[in-house]
Amino acid sequence: MSNTKNTSDSQSSQKAQESQETDNSQDSQDSQEPQKDTDRHTAAKHRPSPMEVLRGARAQLAELTGLTPESVSSFEQTEDGWSLEVEVLELARVPDTMSLMASYQVELDPEGQLTGYRRARRYERGRADARGR
């Protein structure tokens, strides 16, 4: 009979331990939820600085096109995020003043992620802009 009692006590003890582990698991999940919400809230509040946007735009454009951005000639915040005009070296020539440059219109979302780009114009590095830009 003592074996039966010991087995019954052991099973009760095991069930209590499993129940406690389940409760602890739920508590740790519950304690993680507010942290996740806080992280999302913090991430939503973080808007990149203008310099972060400029650096990110240049890096993203270079990665997408394989071209070397040289400068940002225009930069503004819009209702939809950011709009930039980036000068890019398209074709290096000798002498350098004959290299082909291009001006790309780049659009970014409010977080600084590139959403679109297009080439607005091409020109030789050494030429003055005839369009009065």
N, C-alpha and C. Protein backbone atom coordinates (compact mmCIF):
# COMPACT_ATOMS: atom_id res chain seq x y z
N MET A 1 0.81 -1.19 0.00
CA MET A 1 0.00 0.00 0.00
C MET A 1 0.85 1.26 0.00
N SER A 2 1.98 1.19 0.64
CA SER A 2 2.81 2.39 0.69
C SER A 2 3.31 2.76 -0.69
N ASN A 3 3.50 1.74 -1.57
CA ASN A 3 3.90 2.04 -2.94
C ASN A 3 2.83 2.84 -3.66
N THR A 4 1.58 2.47 -3.46
CA THR A 4 0.47 3.16 -4.10
C THR A 4 0.40 4.59 -3.60
N LYS A 5 0.57 4.75 -2.28
CA LYS A 5 0.53 6.10 -1.71
C LYS A 5 1.70 6.93 -2.24
N ASN A 6 2.89 6.36 -2.32
CA ASN A 6 4.05 7.07 -2.83
C ASN A 6 3.85 7.47 -4.30
N THR A 7 3.27 6.57 -5.09
CA THR A 7 3.01 6.87 -6.50
C THR A 7 2.00 8.00 -6.60
N SER A 8 0.96 7.95 -5.78
CA SER A 8 -0.07 8.99 -5.79
C SER A 8 0.53 10.33 -5.37
N ASP A 9 1.36 10.34 -4.33
CA ASP A 9 2.02 11.56 -3.87
C ASP A 9 2.95 12.11 -4.96
N SER A 10 3.66 11.20 -5.62
CA SER A 10 4.59 11.60 -6.67
C SER A 10 3.84 12.23 -7.83
N GLN A 11 2.70 11.65 -8.22
CA GLN A 11 1.90 12.20 -9.32
C GLN A 11 1.34 13.56 -8.95
N SER A 12 0.87 13.72 -7.72
CA SER A 12 0.34 15.00 -7.26
C SER A 12 1.43 16.06 -7.28
N SER A 13 2.60 15.67 -6.82
CA SER A 13 3.74 16.58 -6.81
C SER A 13 4.13 16.99 -8.23
N GLN A 14 4.11 16.02 -9.15
CA GLN A 14 4.47 16.29 -10.54
C GLN A 14 3.45 17.22 -11.18
N LYS A 15 2.15 17.01 -10.92
CA LYS A 15 1.10 17.86 -11.47
C LYS A 15 1.23 19.28 -10.93
N ALA A 16 1.54 19.42 -9.65
CA ALA A 16 1.72 20.74 -9.06
C ALA A 16 2.91 21.46 -9.70
N GLN A 17 3.98 20.72 -9.94
CA GLN A 17 5.16 21.32 -10.56
C GLN A 17 4.86 21.75 -11.99
N GLU A 18 4.14 20.92 -12.76
CA GLU A 18 3.77 21.28 -14.13
C GLU A 18 2.88 22.51 -14.15
N SER A 19 1.95 22.55 -13.21
CA SER A 19 1.04 23.70 -13.12
C SER A 19 1.82 24.98 -12.81
N GLN A 20 2.80 24.88 -11.91
CA GLN A 20 3.62 26.03 -11.55
C GLN A 20 4.47 26.48 -12.75
N GLU A 21 5.02 25.52 -13.53
CA GLU A 21 5.81 25.86 -14.71
C GLU A 21 4.96 26.56 -15.75
N THR A 22 3.71 26.08 -15.92
CA THR A 22 2.80 26.72 -16.87
C THR A 22 2.49 28.14 -16.43
N ASP A 23 2.23 28.33 -15.13
CA ASP A 23 1.96 29.68 -14.61
C ASP A 23 3.17 30.58 -14.81
N ASN A 24 4.37 30.07 -14.52
CA ASN A 24 5.58 30.86 -14.70
C ASN A 24 5.79 31.22 -16.17
N SER A 25 5.50 30.27 -17.06
CA SER A 25 5.64 30.52 -18.48
C SER A 25 4.70 31.62 -18.94
N GLN A 26 3.45 31.58 -18.44
CA GLN A 26 2.49 32.63 -18.80
C GLN A 26 2.90 33.97 -18.21
N ASP A 27 3.43 33.96 -16.99
CA ASP A 27 3.89 35.20 -16.37
C ASP A 27 5.01 35.81 -17.18
N SER A 28 5.96 34.98 -17.64
CA SER A 28 7.08 35.52 -18.41
C SER A 28 6.60 36.04 -19.76
N GLN A 29 5.60 35.37 -20.36
CA GLN A 29 5.04 35.88 -21.61
C GLN A 29 4.33 37.19 -21.37
N ASP A 30 3.56 37.27 -20.27
CA ASP A 30 2.85 38.50 -19.96
C ASP A 30 3.83 39.64 -19.71
N SER A 31 4.94 39.33 -19.05
CA SER A 31 5.91 40.39 -18.76
C SER A 31 6.66 40.81 -20.02
N GLN A 32 6.72 39.93 -21.03
CA GLN A 32 7.38 40.29 -22.28
C GLN A 32 6.49 41.15 -23.16
N GLU A 33 5.19 40.98 -23.09
CA GLU A 33 4.27 41.74 -23.93
C GLU A 33 4.42 43.25 -23.75
N PRO A 34 4.41 43.76 -22.51
CA PRO A 34 4.58 45.21 -22.37
C PRO A 34 5.91 45.68 -22.94
N GLN A 35 6.96 44.88 -22.84
CA GLN A 35 8.26 45.25 -23.38
C GLN A 35 8.17 45.39 -24.89
N LYS A 36 7.49 44.43 -25.55
CA LYS A 36 7.34 44.49 -27.00
C LYS A 36 6.58 45.75 -27.39
N ASP A 37 5.49 46.05 -26.66
CA ASP A 37 4.71 47.25 -26.96
C ASP A 37 5.55 48.50 -26.78
N THR A 38 6.36 48.52 -25.73
CA THR A 38 7.23 49.67 -25.48
C THR A 38 8.25 49.82 -26.61
N ASP A 39 8.83 48.70 -27.06
CA ASP A 39 9.79 48.75 -28.16
C ASP A 39 9.15 49.28 -29.44
N ARG A 40 7.92 48.82 -29.74
CA ARG A 40 7.23 49.30 -30.93
C ARG A 40 6.94 50.78 -30.81
N HIS A 41 6.51 51.20 -29.62
CA HIS A 41 6.18 52.60 -29.39
C HIS A 41 7.42 53.48 -29.56
N THR A 42 8.54 53.03 -29.03
CA THR A 42 9.79 53.77 -29.15
C THR A 42 10.23 53.84 -30.61
N ALA A 43 10.13 52.71 -31.33
CA ALA A 43 10.53 52.68 -32.74
C ALA A 43 9.64 53.60 -33.57
N ALA A 44 8.35 53.64 -33.24
CA ALA A 44 7.44 54.49 -34.00
C ALA A 44 7.75 55.97 -33.77
N LYS A 45 8.22 56.30 -32.58
CA LYS A 45 8.54 57.69 -32.26
C LYS A 45 9.84 58.15 -32.91
N HIS A 46 10.78 57.22 -33.13
CA HIS A 46 12.10 57.60 -33.65
C HIS A 46 12.00 57.99 -35.11
N ARG A 47 12.25 59.24 -35.37
CA ARG A 47 12.35 59.72 -36.74
C ARG A 47 13.82 60.03 -36.97
N PRO A 48 14.33 59.59 -38.10
CA PRO A 48 15.75 59.83 -38.37
C PRO A 48 16.04 61.31 -38.53
N SER A 49 17.23 61.69 -38.15
CA SER A 49 17.67 63.07 -38.33
C SER A 49 17.92 63.31 -39.81
N PRO A 50 17.96 64.56 -40.24
CA PRO A 50 18.25 64.84 -41.66
C PRO A 50 19.56 64.21 -42.14
N MET A 51 20.59 64.23 -41.32
CA MET A 51 21.86 63.62 -41.73
C MET A 51 21.73 62.11 -41.89
N GLU A 52 20.96 61.46 -41.00
CA GLU A 52 20.73 60.02 -41.14
C GLU A 52 19.98 59.73 -42.44
N VAL A 53 19.02 60.58 -42.76
CA VAL A 53 18.26 60.41 -44.00
C VAL A 53 19.19 60.55 -45.21
N LEU A 54 20.03 61.59 -45.21
CA LEU A 54 20.95 61.80 -46.33
C LEU A 54 21.90 60.62 -46.52
N ARG A 55 22.51 60.20 -45.43
CA ARG A 55 23.45 59.07 -45.52
C ARG A 55 22.74 57.80 -45.99
N GLY A 56 21.57 57.55 -45.43
CA GLY A 56 20.81 56.35 -45.80
C GLY A 56 20.39 56.38 -47.26
N ALA A 57 19.94 57.55 -47.73
CA ALA A 57 19.50 57.68 -49.13
C ALA A 57 20.66 57.41 -50.07
N ARG A 58 21.82 57.97 -49.78
CA ARG A 58 22.99 57.76 -50.64
C ARG A 58 23.38 56.29 -50.67
N ALA A 59 23.39 55.65 -49.50
CA ALA A 59 23.77 54.24 -49.42
C ALA A 59 22.77 53.35 -50.15
N GLN A 60 21.49 53.62 -49.97
CA GLN A 60 20.46 52.80 -50.62
C GLN A 60 20.49 52.97 -52.13
N LEU A 61 20.66 54.21 -52.60
CA LEU A 61 20.72 54.46 -54.04
C LEU A 61 21.94 53.77 -54.65
N ALA A 62 23.08 53.85 -53.97
CA ALA A 62 24.30 53.20 -54.46
C ALA A 62 24.10 51.69 -54.54
N GLU A 63 23.45 51.12 -53.54
CA GLU A 63 23.23 49.67 -53.53
C GLU A 63 22.29 49.25 -54.66
N LEU A 64 21.27 50.04 -54.91
CA LEU A 64 20.31 49.69 -55.96
C LEU A 64 20.84 49.89 -57.37
N THR A 65 21.59 50.97 -57.58
CA THR A 65 22.03 51.30 -58.94
C THR A 65 23.44 50.84 -59.24
N GLY A 66 24.26 50.65 -58.21
CA GLY A 66 25.67 50.32 -58.43
C GLY A 66 26.48 51.54 -58.82
N LEU A 67 25.90 52.73 -58.72
CA LEU A 67 26.58 53.98 -59.07
C LEU A 67 27.03 54.70 -57.80
N THR A 68 27.99 55.62 -57.98
CA THR A 68 28.55 56.34 -56.84
C THR A 68 27.90 57.70 -56.66
N PRO A 69 27.09 57.89 -55.61
CA PRO A 69 26.53 59.22 -55.34
C PRO A 69 27.65 60.17 -54.91
N GLU A 70 27.66 61.37 -55.49
CA GLU A 70 28.70 62.33 -55.16
C GLU A 70 28.21 63.43 -54.23
N SER A 71 26.97 63.85 -54.43
CA SER A 71 26.45 64.91 -53.56
C SER A 71 24.93 64.90 -53.59
N VAL A 72 24.35 65.60 -52.64
CA VAL A 72 22.90 65.80 -52.59
C VAL A 72 22.68 67.27 -52.89
N SER A 73 22.01 67.56 -54.02
CA SER A 73 21.83 68.95 -54.42
C SER A 73 20.50 69.54 -53.97
N SER A 74 19.59 68.70 -53.52
CA SER A 74 18.31 69.19 -53.01
C SER A 74 17.77 68.20 -52.00
N PHE A 75 17.12 68.73 -50.96
CA PHE A 75 16.67 67.89 -49.86
C PHE A 75 15.50 68.58 -49.18
N GLU A 76 14.35 67.88 -49.06
CA GLU A 76 13.23 68.47 -48.36
C GLU A 76 12.34 67.39 -47.76
N GLN A 77 11.69 67.75 -46.67
CA GLN A 77 10.73 66.86 -46.03
C GLN A 77 9.37 67.13 -46.67
N THR A 78 8.67 66.05 -47.02
CA THR A 78 7.36 66.17 -47.65
C THR A 78 6.30 65.54 -46.75
N GLU A 79 5.06 65.60 -47.19
CA GLU A 79 3.97 64.96 -46.43
C GLU A 79 4.17 63.46 -46.35
N ASP A 80 4.77 62.87 -47.40
CA ASP A 80 4.95 61.42 -47.47
C ASP A 80 6.31 60.94 -46.98
N GLY A 81 7.18 61.84 -46.58
CA GLY A 81 8.52 61.43 -46.13
C GLY A 81 9.56 62.44 -46.51
N TRP A 82 10.45 62.07 -47.43
CA TRP A 82 11.57 62.91 -47.83
C TRP A 82 11.73 62.86 -49.34
N SER A 83 12.20 63.96 -49.91
CA SER A 83 12.50 64.03 -51.34
C SER A 83 13.89 64.62 -51.50
N LEU A 84 14.73 63.94 -52.28
CA LEU A 84 16.11 64.39 -52.49
C LEU A 84 16.45 64.36 -53.97
N GLU A 85 17.41 65.18 -54.34
CA GLU A 85 18.01 65.09 -55.66
C GLU A 85 19.49 64.78 -55.42
N VAL A 86 19.92 63.66 -55.95
CA VAL A 86 21.27 63.16 -55.70
C VAL A 86 22.05 63.16 -57.01
N GLU A 87 23.25 63.75 -56.96
CA GLU A 87 24.14 63.78 -58.12
C GLU A 87 25.01 62.52 -58.09
N VAL A 88 25.04 61.82 -59.23
CA VAL A 88 25.70 60.52 -59.32
C VAL A 88 26.68 60.50 -60.49
N LEU A 89 27.83 59.89 -60.27
CA LEU A 89 28.79 59.67 -61.36
C LEU A 89 28.33 58.45 -62.14
N GLU A 90 27.93 58.66 -63.40
CA GLU A 90 27.46 57.54 -64.23
C GLU A 90 28.56 56.94 -65.07
N LEU A 91 29.46 57.78 -65.58
CA LEU A 91 30.52 57.27 -66.44
C LEU A 91 31.77 58.13 -66.26
N ALA A 92 32.81 57.53 -65.72
CA ALA A 92 34.06 58.26 -65.50
C ALA A 92 34.83 58.34 -66.81
N ARG A 93 35.31 59.54 -67.10
CA ARG A 93 36.10 59.76 -68.32
C ARG A 93 37.35 60.55 -67.97
N VAL A 94 38.29 60.54 -68.91
CA VAL A 94 39.51 61.34 -68.78
C VAL A 94 39.47 62.38 -69.88
N PRO A 95 39.60 63.65 -69.59
CA PRO A 95 39.75 64.23 -68.25
C PRO A 95 38.43 64.16 -67.47
N ASP A 96 38.56 64.36 -66.19
CA ASP A 96 37.43 64.23 -65.28
C ASP A 96 36.27 65.16 -65.63
N THR A 97 36.59 66.31 -66.22
CA THR A 97 35.53 67.26 -66.58
C THR A 97 34.61 66.73 -67.67
N MET A 98 34.99 65.66 -68.33
CA MET A 98 34.16 65.05 -69.38
C MET A 98 33.33 63.87 -68.85
N SER A 99 33.48 63.55 -67.57
CA SER A 99 32.71 62.44 -66.99
C SER A 99 31.22 62.73 -67.08
N LEU A 100 30.44 61.67 -67.25
CA LEU A 100 28.98 61.83 -67.30
C LEU A 100 28.39 61.72 -65.91
N MET A 101 27.62 62.73 -65.56
CA MET A 101 26.94 62.80 -64.26
C MET A 101 25.44 62.64 -64.51
N ALA A 102 24.72 62.31 -63.47
CA ALA A 102 23.26 62.23 -63.56
C ALA A 102 22.67 62.75 -62.26
N SER A 103 21.51 63.31 -62.39
CA SER A 103 20.78 63.80 -61.23
C SER A 103 19.58 62.88 -61.03
N TYR A 104 19.51 62.25 -59.86
CA TYR A 104 18.43 61.31 -59.55
C TYR A 104 17.48 61.92 -58.52
N GLN A 105 16.19 61.82 -58.81
CA GLN A 105 15.15 62.22 -57.85
C GLN A 105 14.87 61.00 -56.99
N VAL A 106 15.05 61.13 -55.67
CA VAL A 106 14.92 60.01 -54.75
C VAL A 106 13.82 60.31 -53.74
N GLU A 107 12.92 59.36 -53.56
CA GLU A 107 11.82 59.50 -52.59
C GLU A 107 12.02 58.49 -51.47
N LEU A 108 11.82 58.97 -50.22
CA LEU A 108 11.95 58.11 -49.06
C LEU A 108 10.71 58.23 -48.18
N ASP A 109 10.42 57.17 -47.41
CA ASP A 109 9.30 57.24 -46.48
C ASP A 109 9.75 58.01 -45.23
N PRO A 110 8.85 58.27 -44.27
CA PRO A 110 9.23 59.05 -43.08
C PRO A 110 10.36 58.44 -42.26
N GLU A 111 10.56 57.14 -42.35
CA GLU A 111 11.65 56.47 -41.60
C GLU A 111 12.96 56.48 -42.36
N GLY A 112 12.96 57.00 -43.60
CA GLY A 112 14.20 57.09 -44.37
C GLY A 112 14.45 55.92 -45.29
N GLN A 113 13.45 55.06 -45.51
CA GLN A 113 13.62 53.94 -46.43
C GLN A 113 13.25 54.37 -47.84
N LEU A 114 14.11 54.06 -48.79
CA LEU A 114 13.90 54.45 -50.18
C LEU A 114 12.64 53.79 -50.73
N THR A 115 11.75 54.59 -51.28
CA THR A 115 10.52 54.06 -51.87
C THR A 115 10.52 54.19 -53.38
N GLY A 116 11.39 55.03 -53.94
CA GLY A 116 11.46 55.15 -55.38
C GLY A 116 12.55 56.12 -55.80
N TYR A 117 13.00 55.98 -57.05
CA TYR A 117 13.99 56.91 -57.61
C TYR A 117 13.82 56.92 -59.12
N ARG A 118 14.28 58.01 -59.73
CA ARG A 118 14.29 58.11 -61.19
C ARG A 118 15.40 59.08 -61.60
N ARG A 119 15.95 58.84 -62.77
CA ARG A 119 16.97 59.75 -63.28
C ARG A 119 16.26 60.96 -63.88
N ALA A 120 16.59 62.14 -63.40
CA ALA A 120 15.95 63.36 -63.88
C ALA A 120 16.70 63.94 -65.08
N ARG A 121 18.04 63.85 -65.07
CA ARG A 121 18.81 64.39 -66.20
C ARG A 121 20.23 63.84 -66.19
N ARG A 122 20.91 63.95 -67.33
CA ARG A 122 22.33 63.58 -67.46
C ARG A 122 23.08 64.79 -68.00
N TYR A 123 24.32 64.90 -67.60
CA TYR A 123 25.13 66.03 -68.06
C TYR A 123 26.61 65.71 -67.89
N GLU A 124 27.45 66.46 -68.60
CA GLU A 124 28.90 66.32 -68.44
C GLU A 124 29.32 67.14 -67.22
N ARG A 125 30.24 66.60 -66.46
CA ARG A 125 30.65 67.25 -65.22
C ARG A 125 31.12 68.70 -65.43
N GLY A 126 31.82 68.96 -66.50
CA GLY A 126 32.40 70.28 -66.73
C GLY A 126 31.45 71.28 -67.37
N ARG A 127 30.23 70.92 -67.65
CA ARG A 127 29.29 71.82 -68.33
C ARG A 127 28.41 72.56 -67.35
N ALA A 128 28.19 73.83 -67.65
CA ALA A 128 27.24 74.63 -66.86
C ALA A 128 25.83 74.22 -67.29
N ASP A 129 24.91 74.31 -66.36
CA ASP A 129 23.52 73.92 -66.64
C ASP A 129 22.84 75.01 -67.46
N ALA A 130 22.41 74.68 -68.66
CA ALA A 130 21.77 75.63 -69.55
C ALA A 130 20.33 75.91 -69.16
N ARG A 131 19.74 75.02 -68.34
CA ARG A 131 18.33 75.18 -67.98
C ARG A 131 18.12 76.14 -66.82
N GLY A 132 19.18 76.73 -66.31
CA GLY A 132 19.05 77.71 -65.23
C GLY A 132 18.79 77.12 -63.87
N ARG A 133 19.12 75.87 -63.69
CA ARG A 133 18.90 75.22 -62.39
C ARG A 133 19.92 75.59 -61.39
